[in-house]
Amino acid sequence: MTSRADLAARLDHGVAALPLALPPGAAERLVDYVELLARWNAAYNLTAVRDPLEMVTRHVLDSLAIAPFVHGDTLADLGTGPGLPGIVLAIAVPRRETLLVDANGKKVRFLREAIRSLQLTGVRALQARVEDVPGQFDCITARAFASLSDMLAWGGHLLAPGGTWLAMKGRLADAELAGVPPAFTVAAVQALAVPGLEAQRQLVVLRRAGAGAAC
């Protein structure tokens, strides 16, 4: 059985390799999150990753890899599932208003329990389709829940002027980049090195066409 010390060791090793400086208490809270996710996953099948150690690599470290690209005072994580990357970012980079959006009721119930038990301030979970979410946000994250064209068609209205959309992807085809709607522009495609993960990971940074620097 995986121990808490095993989870903490893998997390610490991965964070050191990124490299990333976590605020005080964040590492312990991230381990708390993995343990909570593993318990709920046994009953509710929230993620296909079953091994808690693999959750650290495939979920937590994968989410932490985009932390340097997150800007602004408000963030919406679309299609967040069990809180990826939204909860991880809320722990690692606190003091930002974060909205976690998913249409799946059992995942949103987990999110609300995670917010409560991890004592995450400024974080809310909303059960809704992306196209029905109100408001605008400085930064939007989306972890490969749809193609770039679909993501922006459904949720493009949520990106505030000057804001940044961060789309987490695996292997990215040129055709998908070419399908970005003309109202948006690809500012960068950044290769991500996730410690312990051999699979290809890329971050697509998008902004509104004609917008300036990130918020």
C-alpha atoms as a PDB file:
ATOM      1  CA  MET A   1       0.000   0.000   0.000  1.00  0.00           C
ATOM      2  CA  THR A   2       1.272   3.436  -0.912  1.00  0.00           C
ATOM      3  CA  SER A   3       2.187   5.479   2.149  1.00  0.00           C
ATOM      4  CA  ARG A   4       1.862   9.196   2.638  1.00  0.00           C
ATOM      5  CA  ALA A   5       5.655   9.374   2.837  1.00  0.00           C
ATOM      6  CA  ASP A   6       5.894   7.753  -0.625  1.00  0.00           C
ATOM      7  CA  LEU A   7       3.519  10.342  -2.071  1.00  0.00           C
ATOM      8  CA  ALA A   8       5.396  13.209  -0.419  1.00  0.00           C
ATOM      9  CA  ALA A   9       8.741  11.918  -1.690  1.00  0.00           C
ATOM     10  CA  ARG A  10       7.550  11.685  -5.295  1.00  0.00           C
ATOM     11  CA  LEU A  11       5.984  15.129  -5.087  1.00  0.00           C
ATOM     12  CA  ASP A  12       9.098  16.707  -3.550  1.00  0.00           C
ATOM     13  CA  HIS A  13      11.339  15.103  -6.171  1.00  0.00           C
ATOM     14  CA  GLY A  14       9.080  16.296  -8.983  1.00  0.00           C
ATOM     15  CA  VAL A  15       8.727  19.841  -7.679  1.00  0.00           C
ATOM     16  CA  ALA A  16      12.504  20.125  -7.348  1.00  0.00           C
ATOM     17  CA  ALA A  17      12.894  19.026 -10.975  1.00  0.00           C
ATOM     18  CA  LEU A  18      10.409  21.516 -12.410  1.00  0.00           C
ATOM     19  CA  PRO A  19      11.771  23.687 -10.611  1.00  0.00           C
ATOM     20  CA  LEU A  20       9.006  25.398  -8.667  1.00  0.00           C
ATOM     21  CA  ALA A  21       8.857  27.033  -5.254  1.00  0.00           C
ATOM     22  CA  LEU A  22       5.676  26.067  -3.404  1.00  0.00           C
ATOM     23  CA  PRO A  23       4.308  28.263  -0.603  1.00  0.00           C
ATOM     24  CA  PRO A  24       4.508  26.964   2.991  1.00  0.00           C
ATOM     25  CA  GLY A  25       2.160  24.044   3.603  1.00  0.00           C
ATOM     26  CA  ALA A  26       1.317  23.542  -0.085  1.00  0.00           C
ATOM     27  CA  ALA A  27       3.145  20.224  -0.467  1.00  0.00           C
ATOM     28  CA  GLU A  28       1.252  18.728   2.472  1.00  0.00           C
ATOM     29  CA  ARG A  29      -2.018  19.984   1.064  1.00  0.00           C
ATOM     30  CA  LEU A  30      -1.266  18.519  -2.353  1.00  0.00           C
ATOM     31  CA  VAL A  31      -0.662  15.131  -0.723  1.00  0.00           C
ATOM     32  CA  ASP A  32      -3.966  15.563   1.121  1.00  0.00           C
ATOM     33  CA  TYR A  33      -5.617  16.169  -2.253  1.00  0.00           C
ATOM     34  CA  VAL A  34      -4.135  13.002  -3.779  1.00  0.00           C
ATOM     35  CA  GLU A  35      -5.253  10.923  -0.799  1.00  0.00           C
ATOM     36  CA  LEU A  36      -8.760  12.372  -0.987  1.00  0.00           C
ATOM     37  CA  LEU A  37      -8.928  11.782  -4.741  1.00  0.00           C
ATOM     38  CA  ALA A  38      -7.766   8.185  -4.334  1.00  0.00           C
ATOM     39  CA  ARG A  39     -10.447   7.493  -1.700  1.00  0.00           C
ATOM     40  CA  TRP A  40     -13.254   8.984  -3.776  1.00  0.00           C
ATOM     41  CA  ASN A  41     -11.959   7.400  -6.960  1.00  0.00           C
ATOM     42  CA  ALA A  42     -12.439   3.920  -5.523  1.00  0.00           C
ATOM     43  CA  ALA A  43     -16.196   4.534  -5.343  1.00  0.00           C
ATOM     44  CA  TYR A  44     -16.930   7.155  -7.995  1.00  0.00           C
ATOM     45  CA  ASN A  45     -14.394   6.530 -10.788  1.00  0.00           C
ATOM     46  CA  LEU A  46     -13.321  10.167 -11.101  1.00  0.00           C
ATOM     47  CA  THR A  47     -10.120   9.398 -13.006  1.00  0.00           C
ATOM     48  CA  ALA A  48      -8.727   6.444 -14.947  1.00  0.00           C
ATOM     49  CA  VAL A  49      -5.490   6.737 -12.973  1.00  0.00           C
ATOM     50  CA  ARG A  50      -5.859   4.372 -10.026  1.00  0.00           C
ATOM     51  CA  ASP A  51      -2.404   4.382  -8.443  1.00  0.00           C
ATOM     52  CA  PRO A  52      -1.906   7.330  -6.029  1.00  0.00           C
ATOM     53  CA  LEU A  53       1.771   7.571  -6.965  1.00  0.00           C
ATOM     54  CA  GLU A  54       0.781   7.904 -10.611  1.00  0.00           C
ATOM     55  CA  MET A  55      -1.759  10.548  -9.591  1.00  0.00           C
ATOM     56  CA  VAL A  56       1.147  12.599  -8.242  1.00  0.00           C
ATOM     57  CA  THR A  57       2.956  12.364 -11.584  1.00  0.00           C
ATOM     58  CA  ARG A  58       0.132  12.390 -14.103  1.00  0.00           C
ATOM     59  CA  HIS A  59      -2.157  14.822 -12.325  1.00  0.00           C
ATOM     60  CA  VAL A  60      -0.334  16.974  -9.771  1.00  0.00           C
ATOM     61  CA  LEU A  61       3.058  17.439 -11.427  1.00  0.00           C
ATOM     62  CA  ASP A  62       1.398  17.754 -14.833  1.00  0.00           C
ATOM     63  CA  SER A  63      -0.740  20.581 -13.456  1.00  0.00           C
ATOM     64  CA  LEU A  64       2.157  22.253 -11.647  1.00  0.00           C
ATOM     65  CA  ALA A  65       4.138  22.388 -14.900  1.00  0.00           C
ATOM     66  CA  ILE A  66       1.894  25.208 -16.169  1.00  0.00           C
ATOM     67  CA  ALA A  67       2.017  27.288 -12.948  1.00  0.00           C
ATOM     68  CA  PRO A  68       4.619  29.768 -14.319  1.00  0.00           C
ATOM     69  CA  PHE A  69       2.245  30.640 -17.172  1.00  0.00           C
ATOM     70  CA  VAL A  70      -0.768  31.478 -14.995  1.00  0.00           C
ATOM     71  CA  HIS A  71      -1.438  35.213 -14.567  1.00  0.00           C
ATOM     72  CA  GLY A  72      -4.155  37.508 -13.325  1.00  0.00           C
ATOM     73  CA  ASP A  73      -6.509  37.711 -10.374  1.00  0.00           C
ATOM     74  CA  THR A  74      -9.247  35.395 -11.655  1.00  0.00           C
ATOM     75  CA  LEU A  75      -9.074  31.918 -13.174  1.00  0.00           C
ATOM     76  CA  ALA A  76     -11.662  29.566 -14.647  1.00  0.00           C
ATOM     77  CA  ASP A  77     -10.724  25.910 -15.087  1.00  0.00           C
ATOM     78  CA  LEU A  78     -13.016  24.453 -17.739  1.00  0.00           C
ATOM     79  CA  GLY A  79     -13.780  20.748 -17.839  1.00  0.00           C
ATOM     80  CA  THR A  80     -11.839  20.482 -14.597  1.00  0.00           C
ATOM     81  CA  GLY A  81     -12.882  16.900 -13.814  1.00  0.00           C
ATOM     82  CA  PRO A  82     -11.614  16.202 -10.287  1.00  0.00           C
ATOM     83  CA  GLY A  83      -9.890  19.607 -10.156  1.00  0.00           C
ATOM     84  CA  LEU A  84      -7.119  19.426 -12.743  1.00  0.00           C
ATOM     85  CA  PRO A  85      -5.343  21.711 -12.998  1.00  0.00           C
ATOM     86  CA  GLY A  86      -7.594  24.099 -11.028  1.00  0.00           C
ATOM     87  CA  ILE A  87      -7.315  22.704  -7.486  1.00  0.00           C
ATOM     88  CA  VAL A  88      -3.596  22.040  -7.871  1.00  0.00           C
ATOM     89  CA  LEU A  89      -3.019  25.615  -9.042  1.00  0.00           C
ATOM     90  CA  ALA A  90      -5.204  27.009  -6.245  1.00  0.00           C
ATOM     91  CA  ILE A  91      -2.957  25.254  -3.735  1.00  0.00           C
ATOM     92  CA  ALA A  92       0.347  26.070  -5.446  1.00  0.00           C
ATOM     93  CA  VAL A  93      -0.470  29.673  -6.409  1.00  0.00           C
ATOM     94  CA  PRO A  94      -3.050  30.904  -3.877  1.00  0.00           C
ATOM     95  CA  ARG A  95      -4.679  34.343  -3.536  1.00  0.00           C
ATOM     96  CA  ARG A  96      -6.497  34.055  -6.850  1.00  0.00           C
ATOM     97  CA  GLU A  97     -10.267  33.713  -7.343  1.00  0.00           C
ATOM     98  CA  THR A  98     -10.763  30.331  -9.011  1.00  0.00           C
ATOM     99  CA  LEU A  99     -13.877  28.825 -10.591  1.00  0.00           C
ATOM    100  CA  LEU A 100     -13.881  25.074 -11.264  1.00  0.00           C
ATOM    101  CA  VAL A 101     -16.345  24.108 -13.996  1.00  0.00           C
ATOM    102  CA  ASP A 102     -17.584  20.635 -14.905  1.00  0.00           C
ATOM    103  CA  ALA A 103     -20.879  19.245 -16.159  1.00  0.00           C
ATOM    104  CA  ASN A 104     -20.523  15.957 -14.246  1.00  0.00           C
ATOM    105  CA  GLY A 105     -22.415  15.966 -10.958  1.00  0.00           C
ATOM    106  CA  LYS A 106     -20.289  13.414  -9.102  1.00  0.00           C
ATOM    107  CA  LYS A 107     -17.110  15.271 -10.027  1.00  0.00           C
ATOM    108  CA  VAL A 108     -18.560  18.559  -8.804  1.00  0.00           C
ATOM    109  CA  ARG A 109     -19.561  16.887  -5.529  1.00  0.00           C
ATOM    110  CA  PHE A 110     -15.972  15.773  -5.128  1.00  0.00           C
ATOM    111  CA  LEU A 111     -14.734  19.279  -5.935  1.00  0.00           C
ATOM    112  CA  ARG A 112     -16.930  20.799  -3.247  1.00  0.00           C
ATOM    113  CA  GLU A 113     -15.712  18.268  -0.698  1.00  0.00           C
ATOM    114  CA  ALA A 114     -12.102  18.965  -1.696  1.00  0.00           C
ATOM    115  CA  ILE A 115     -12.637  22.722  -1.346  1.00  0.00           C
ATOM    116  CA  ARG A 116     -14.120  22.167   2.109  1.00  0.00           C
ATOM    117  CA  SER A 117     -11.651  19.627   3.456  1.00  0.00           C
ATOM    118  CA  LEU A 118      -8.560  21.333   2.010  1.00  0.00           C
ATOM    119  CA  GLN A 119      -9.835  24.726   3.225  1.00  0.00           C
ATOM    120  CA  LEU A 120      -9.344  26.389  -0.145  1.00  0.00           C
ATOM    121  CA  THR A 121     -10.342  30.041   0.024  1.00  0.00           C
ATOM    122  CA  GLY A 122     -11.514  31.881  -3.078  1.00  0.00           C
ATOM    123  CA  VAL A 123     -12.296  28.612  -4.895  1.00  0.00           C
ATOM    124  CA  ARG A 124     -15.796  27.657  -6.138  1.00  0.00           C
ATOM    125  CA  ALA A 125     -17.142  24.672  -8.058  1.00  0.00           C
ATOM    126  CA  LEU A 126     -19.903  25.058 -10.632  1.00  0.00           C
ATOM    127  CA  GLN A 127     -21.837  22.271 -12.337  1.00  0.00           C
ATOM    128  CA  ALA A 128     -22.537  23.632 -15.804  1.00  0.00           C
ATOM    129  CA  ARG A 129     -21.780  23.296 -19.466  1.00  0.00           C
ATOM    130  CA  VAL A 130     -18.923  25.543 -20.522  1.00  0.00           C
ATOM    131  CA  GLU A 131     -21.150  27.572 -22.858  1.00  0.00           C
ATOM    132  CA  ASP A 132     -23.495  28.420 -19.958  1.00  0.00           C
ATOM    133  CA  VAL A 133     -20.855  29.802 -17.564  1.00  0.00           C
ATOM    134  CA  PRO A 134     -21.249  33.541 -16.848  1.00  0.00           C
ATOM    135  CA  GLY A 135     -18.565  36.173 -16.368  1.00  0.00           C
ATOM    136  CA  GLN A 136     -15.071  36.795 -17.693  1.00  0.00           C
ATOM    137  CA  PHE A 137     -11.706  35.701 -16.334  1.00  0.00           C
ATOM    138  CA  ASP A 138      -8.098  36.869 -16.591  1.00  0.00           C
ATOM    139  CA  CYS A 139      -6.855  33.331 -17.136  1.00  0.00           C
ATOM    140  CA  ILE A 140      -8.606  30.207 -18.409  1.00  0.00           C
ATOM    141  CA  THR A 141      -7.178  26.718 -18.137  1.00  0.00           C
ATOM    142  CA  ALA A 142      -8.410  23.656 -20.002  1.00  0.00           C
ATOM    143  CA  ARG A 143      -6.792  20.232 -19.831  1.00  0.00           C
ATOM    144  CA  ALA A 144      -7.377  18.544 -23.191  1.00  0.00           C
ATOM    145  CA  PHE A 145     -11.143  18.225 -22.808  1.00  0.00           C
ATOM    146  CA  ALA A 146     -11.809  19.187 -26.448  1.00  0.00           C
ATOM    147  CA  SER A 147     -10.148  20.492 -29.594  1.00  0.00           C
ATOM    148  CA  LEU A 148      -8.894  24.077 -29.550  1.00  0.00           C
ATOM    149  CA  SER A 149     -11.658  25.157 -31.943  1.00  0.00           C
ATOM    150  CA  ASP A 150     -14.372  23.589 -29.772  1.00  0.00           C
ATOM    151  CA  MET A 151     -12.889  24.963 -26.550  1.00  0.00           C
ATOM    152  CA  LEU A 152     -12.940  28.487 -27.915  1.00  0.00           C
ATOM    153  CA  ALA A 153     -16.346  28.129 -29.567  1.00  0.00           C
ATOM    154  CA  TRP A 154     -17.897  27.007 -26.284  1.00  0.00           C
ATOM    155  CA  GLY A 155     -15.947  29.151 -23.831  1.00  0.00           C
ATOM    156  CA  GLY A 156     -14.261  31.961 -25.725  1.00  0.00           C
ATOM    157  CA  HIS A 157     -16.710  34.476 -24.233  1.00  0.00           C
ATOM    158  CA  LEU A 158     -15.173  33.809 -20.817  1.00  0.00           C
ATOM    159  CA  LEU A 159     -11.748  35.234 -21.660  1.00  0.00           C
ATOM    160  CA  ALA A 160     -11.376  38.806 -20.419  1.00  0.00           C
ATOM    161  CA  PRO A 161      -9.734  41.438 -22.653  1.00  0.00           C
ATOM    162  CA  GLY A 162      -5.977  40.989 -22.366  1.00  0.00           C
ATOM    163  CA  GLY A 163      -6.469  37.604 -20.750  1.00  0.00           C
ATOM    164  CA  THR A 164      -4.659  34.339 -21.408  1.00  0.00           C
ATOM    165  CA  TRP A 165      -6.102  30.949 -22.344  1.00  0.00           C
ATOM    166  CA  LEU A 166      -3.877  27.989 -21.401  1.00  0.00           C
ATOM    167  CA  ALA A 167      -4.787  24.766 -23.217  1.00  0.00           C
ATOM    168  CA  MET A 168      -2.961  21.680 -21.944  1.00  0.00           C
ATOM    169  CA  LYS A 169      -2.396  19.166 -24.722  1.00  0.00           C
ATOM    170  CA  GLY A 170      -0.546  15.990 -25.543  1.00  0.00           C
ATOM    171  CA  ARG A 171       0.567  15.508 -29.136  1.00  0.00           C
ATOM    172  CA  LEU A 172      -0.695  18.490 -31.111  1.00  0.00           C
ATOM    173  CA  ALA A 173      -1.519  18.303 -34.804  1.00  0.00           C
ATOM    174  CA  ASP A 174      -0.955  21.271 -37.121  1.00  0.00           C
ATOM    175  CA  ALA A 175      -4.574  20.974 -38.247  1.00  0.00           C
ATOM    176  CA  GLU A 176      -5.780  21.668 -34.711  1.00  0.00           C
ATOM    177  CA  LEU A 177      -3.714  24.856 -34.519  1.00  0.00           C
ATOM    178  CA  ALA A 178      -5.021  25.882 -37.923  1.00  0.00           C
ATOM    179  CA  GLY A 179      -8.579  25.486 -36.628  1.00  0.00           C
ATOM    180  CA  VAL A 180      -8.259  28.236 -34.013  1.00  0.00           C
ATOM    181  CA  PRO A 181     -11.055  30.778 -34.682  1.00  0.00           C
ATOM    182  CA  PRO A 182      -9.932  34.100 -36.198  1.00  0.00           C
ATOM    183  CA  ALA A 183     -11.037  35.978 -33.063  1.00  0.00           C
ATOM    184  CA  PHE A 184      -8.123  34.333 -31.231  1.00  0.00           C
ATOM    185  CA  THR A 185      -4.411  34.001 -31.832  1.00  0.00           C
ATOM    186  CA  VAL A 186      -1.845  31.409 -30.777  1.00  0.00           C
ATOM    187  CA  ALA A 187       0.727  33.337 -28.756  1.00  0.00           C
ATOM    188  CA  ALA A 188       2.980  30.337 -28.076  1.00  0.00           C
ATOM    189  CA  VAL A 189       3.210  26.562 -28.082  1.00  0.00           C
ATOM    190  CA  GLN A 190       5.358  25.554 -25.131  1.00  0.00           C
ATOM    191  CA  ALA A 191       6.758  22.047 -24.636  1.00  0.00           C
ATOM    192  CA  LEU A 192       6.341  20.944 -21.025  1.00  0.00           C
ATOM    193  CA  ALA A 193       8.735  18.630 -19.211  1.00  0.00           C
ATOM    194  CA  VAL A 194       6.730  16.835 -16.526  1.00  0.00           C
ATOM    195  CA  PRO A 195       9.041  14.968 -14.128  1.00  0.00           C
ATOM    196  CA  GLY A 196       8.494  11.212 -14.388  1.00  0.00           C
ATOM    197  CA  LEU A 197       6.142  11.467 -17.366  1.00  0.00           C
ATOM    198  CA  GLU A 198       7.428  10.220 -20.701  1.00  0.00           C
ATOM    199  CA  ALA A 199       4.338  11.219 -22.685  1.00  0.00           C
ATOM    200  CA  GLN A 200       4.534  14.379 -24.765  1.00  0.00           C
ATOM    201  CA  ARG A 201       2.930  17.396 -23.112  1.00  0.00           C
ATOM    202  CA  GLN A 202       2.420  20.821 -24.651  1.00  0.00           C
ATOM    203  CA  LEU A 203       0.846  24.060 -23.530  1.00  0.00           C
ATOM    204  CA  VAL A 204      -0.918  26.223 -26.101  1.00  0.00           C
ATOM    205  CA  VAL A 205      -1.109  29.869 -25.034  1.00  0.00           C
ATOM    206  CA  LEU A 206      -3.964  31.756 -26.711  1.00  0.00           C
ATOM    207  CA  ARG A 207      -5.152  35.350 -26.578  1.00  0.00           C
ATOM    208  CA  ARG A 208      -7.783  37.410 -28.284  1.00  0.00           C
ATOM    209  CA  ALA A 209      -6.645  38.630 -31.699  1.00  0.00           C
ATOM    210  CA  GLY A 210      -5.060  42.034 -31.361  1.00  0.00           C
ATOM    211  CA  ALA A 211      -4.621  41.722 -27.591  1.00  0.00           C
ATOM    212  CA  GLY A 212      -1.407  42.769 -25.910  1.00  0.00           C
ATOM    213  CA  ALA A 213       0.610  41.077 -23.220  1.00  0.00           C
ATOM    214  CA  ALA A 214      -0.821  38.610 -20.744  1.00  0.00           C
ATOM    215  CA  CYS A 215      -2.886  39.939 -17.867  1.00  0.00           C
END
